[in-house]
Amino acid sequence: MKVTRIDHIGIAVKDLEEAAEIYRDFLQLEVTDIEEVPDQKVKVAFIPVGDSEVELLEPTTEDSPVAKFIEKRGEGIHHMALRVDNLEEALARAQAAGIRLIDKTPRPGAGGARIAFLHPRSSNRVLIELCERAD
């Protein structure tokens, strides 16, 4: 298993359109796509920055994990996603190392990725997403 790069930074927001303004208008970055991920109860706006992306995450229900995050901590950085070349191997290594997992098996994520989250209690209170893409 190899971490190949930062895939994206997820930012929890109340309103995608409002949050996208600074990226679009001031930083002159483009929102290339918006996608709803029903099983995660979130709408995602993708903003490429070099080889990585900023993902704005708007909750679609009041009981979604992102809505709960915003209620507890306010808008802001929700997670950091690291691209790995073998997600199953990464999860096996994490488990063997005693790292607490939120996802023990990969699940579908936004943008066609396969993802799994490490619990923030195992990573200095940072929610880390491991991400594998077909490209």
Protein backbone atom coordinates (compact mmCIF):
# COMPACT_ATOMS: atom_id res chain seq x y z
CA MET A 1 0.00 0.00 0.00
CA LYS A 2 1.28 3.41 -0.94
CA VAL A 3 -0.16 6.87 -0.30
CA THR A 4 0.26 8.68 -3.60
CA ARG A 5 -1.04 12.19 -2.83
CA ILE A 6 -3.62 14.30 -1.08
CA ASP A 7 -6.75 13.51 -3.08
CA HIS A 8 -8.93 16.25 -1.63
CA ILE A 9 -9.81 18.35 1.39
CA GLY A 10 -13.48 18.14 2.39
CA ILE A 11 -15.04 21.33 3.73
CA ALA A 12 -18.41 21.24 5.48
CA VAL A 13 -20.66 24.11 4.40
CA LYS A 14 -24.27 25.11 4.90
CA ASP A 15 -24.72 26.37 1.33
CA LEU A 16 -22.67 25.18 -1.66
CA GLU A 17 -23.40 28.17 -3.87
CA GLU A 18 -22.51 30.70 -1.21
CA ALA A 19 -19.38 28.80 -0.18
CA ALA A 20 -18.21 28.42 -3.79
CA GLU A 21 -18.11 32.20 -4.31
CA ILE A 22 -14.65 32.73 -2.79
CA TYR A 23 -13.17 29.86 -4.83
CA ARG A 24 -14.82 31.00 -8.05
CA ASP A 25 -14.76 34.79 -7.75
CA PHE A 26 -11.60 35.53 -5.77
CA LEU A 27 -9.36 32.49 -6.34
CA GLN A 28 -10.62 32.06 -9.92
CA LEU A 29 -11.07 28.31 -9.55
CA GLU A 30 -13.86 26.43 -11.28
CA VAL A 31 -16.53 24.23 -9.76
CA THR A 32 -16.34 21.40 -12.29
CA ASP A 33 -19.21 19.27 -11.03
CA ILE A 34 -21.83 18.96 -8.30
CA GLU A 35 -22.96 15.50 -7.25
CA GLU A 36 -25.36 14.18 -4.64
CA VAL A 37 -24.25 11.15 -2.62
CA PRO A 38 -27.52 9.88 -1.12
CA ASP A 39 -26.06 7.23 1.21
CA GLN A 40 -23.84 9.90 2.81
CA LYS A 41 -26.68 12.47 2.79
CA VAL A 42 -24.49 15.10 1.19
CA LYS A 43 -24.17 17.20 -1.95
CA VAL A 44 -20.57 17.69 -3.14
CA ALA A 45 -19.05 20.44 -5.28
CA PHE A 46 -15.70 19.55 -6.86
CA ILE A 47 -13.07 22.30 -7.22
CA PRO A 48 -9.80 21.08 -8.78
CA VAL A 49 -6.57 22.64 -7.55
CA GLY A 50 -3.54 21.17 -9.31
CA ASP A 51 -3.48 17.41 -8.68
CA SER A 52 -5.92 17.68 -5.77
CA GLU A 53 -9.39 19.05 -5.14
CA VAL A 54 -11.36 21.00 -2.64
CA GLU A 55 -14.72 19.34 -2.02
CA LEU A 56 -17.47 21.47 -0.56
CA LEU A 57 -19.89 19.27 1.38
CA GLU A 58 -23.46 20.45 1.93
CA PRO A 59 -25.72 18.22 4.04
CA THR A 60 -28.96 17.16 2.38
CA THR A 61 -30.67 16.16 5.63
CA GLU A 62 -30.54 17.41 9.20
CA ASP A 63 -29.37 14.01 10.46
CA SER A 64 -26.44 13.61 8.06
CA PRO A 65 -22.91 13.30 9.46
CA VAL A 66 -21.96 16.62 7.82
CA ALA A 67 -25.00 18.38 9.33
CA LYS A 68 -24.05 17.03 12.77
CA PHE A 69 -20.47 18.19 12.22
CA ILE A 70 -21.64 21.73 11.33
CA GLU A 71 -24.01 21.81 14.30
CA LYS A 72 -21.24 20.77 16.70
CA ARG A 73 -18.20 22.55 15.22
CA GLY A 74 -19.48 24.99 12.61
CA GLU A 75 -18.49 25.16 8.97
CA GLY A 76 -14.90 24.31 8.10
CA ILE A 77 -12.48 21.53 7.28
CA HIS A 78 -14.26 18.22 7.72
CA HIS A 79 -11.68 15.72 6.48
CA MET A 80 -8.49 15.14 4.55
CA ALA A 81 -8.53 12.44 1.87
CA LEU A 82 -5.36 10.59 0.98
CA ARG A 83 -5.16 8.69 -2.30
CA VAL A 84 -3.92 5.12 -1.89
CA ASP A 85 -3.05 2.57 -4.53
CA ASN A 86 -4.71 -0.37 -2.70
CA LEU A 87 -7.56 0.41 -0.33
CA GLU A 88 -8.04 -3.14 0.99
CA GLU A 89 -4.34 -3.38 1.84
CA ALA A 90 -4.45 0.04 3.52
CA LEU A 91 -7.37 -1.02 5.70
CA ALA A 92 -5.68 -4.31 6.61
CA ARG A 93 -2.48 -2.45 7.59
CA ALA A 94 -4.45 0.08 9.63
CA GLN A 95 -6.32 -2.67 11.46
CA ALA A 96 -3.09 -4.59 12.13
CA ALA A 97 -1.55 -1.40 13.54
CA GLY A 98 -4.48 -0.96 15.95
CA ILE A 99 -5.87 2.09 14.17
CA ARG A 100 -9.57 2.52 14.82
CA LEU A 101 -11.61 2.34 11.62
CA ILE A 102 -14.98 3.85 10.80
CA ASP A 103 -15.17 1.69 7.66
CA LYS A 104 -13.73 -1.83 7.77
CA THR A 105 -14.52 -2.35 4.10
CA PRO A 106 -14.48 0.12 1.19
CA ARG A 107 -17.66 1.90 0.18
CA PRO A 108 -18.61 4.07 -2.80
CA GLY A 109 -17.72 7.75 -2.50
CA ALA A 110 -18.18 10.89 -4.54
CA GLY A 111 -16.63 11.15 -7.97
CA GLY A 112 -16.51 7.39 -8.51
CA ALA A 113 -13.98 6.78 -5.75
CA ARG A 114 -13.85 3.87 -3.34
CA ILE A 115 -13.37 5.21 0.19
CA ALA A 116 -12.96 4.30 3.84
CA PHE A 117 -12.51 6.52 6.90
CA LEU A 118 -10.10 6.21 9.80
CA HIS A 119 -11.54 7.27 13.15
CA PRO A 120 -10.27 10.70 14.26
CA ARG A 121 -9.41 9.32 17.70
CA SER A 122 -6.60 7.40 16.00
CA SER A 123 -5.25 10.39 14.07
CA ASN A 124 -4.99 13.40 16.35
CA ARG A 125 -8.67 14.31 15.89
CA VAL A 126 -8.32 14.55 12.10
CA LEU A 127 -10.88 12.60 10.09
CA ILE A 128 -8.80 10.84 7.41
CA GLU A 129 -10.43 9.39 4.34
CA LEU A 130 -8.51 6.79 2.36
CA CYS A 131 -9.46 7.05 -1.30
CA GLU A 132 -8.83 4.79 -4.28
CA ARG A 133 -9.60 5.83 -7.85
CA ALA A 134 -9.47 3.90 -11.11
CA ASP A 135 -7.31 6.45 -12.92
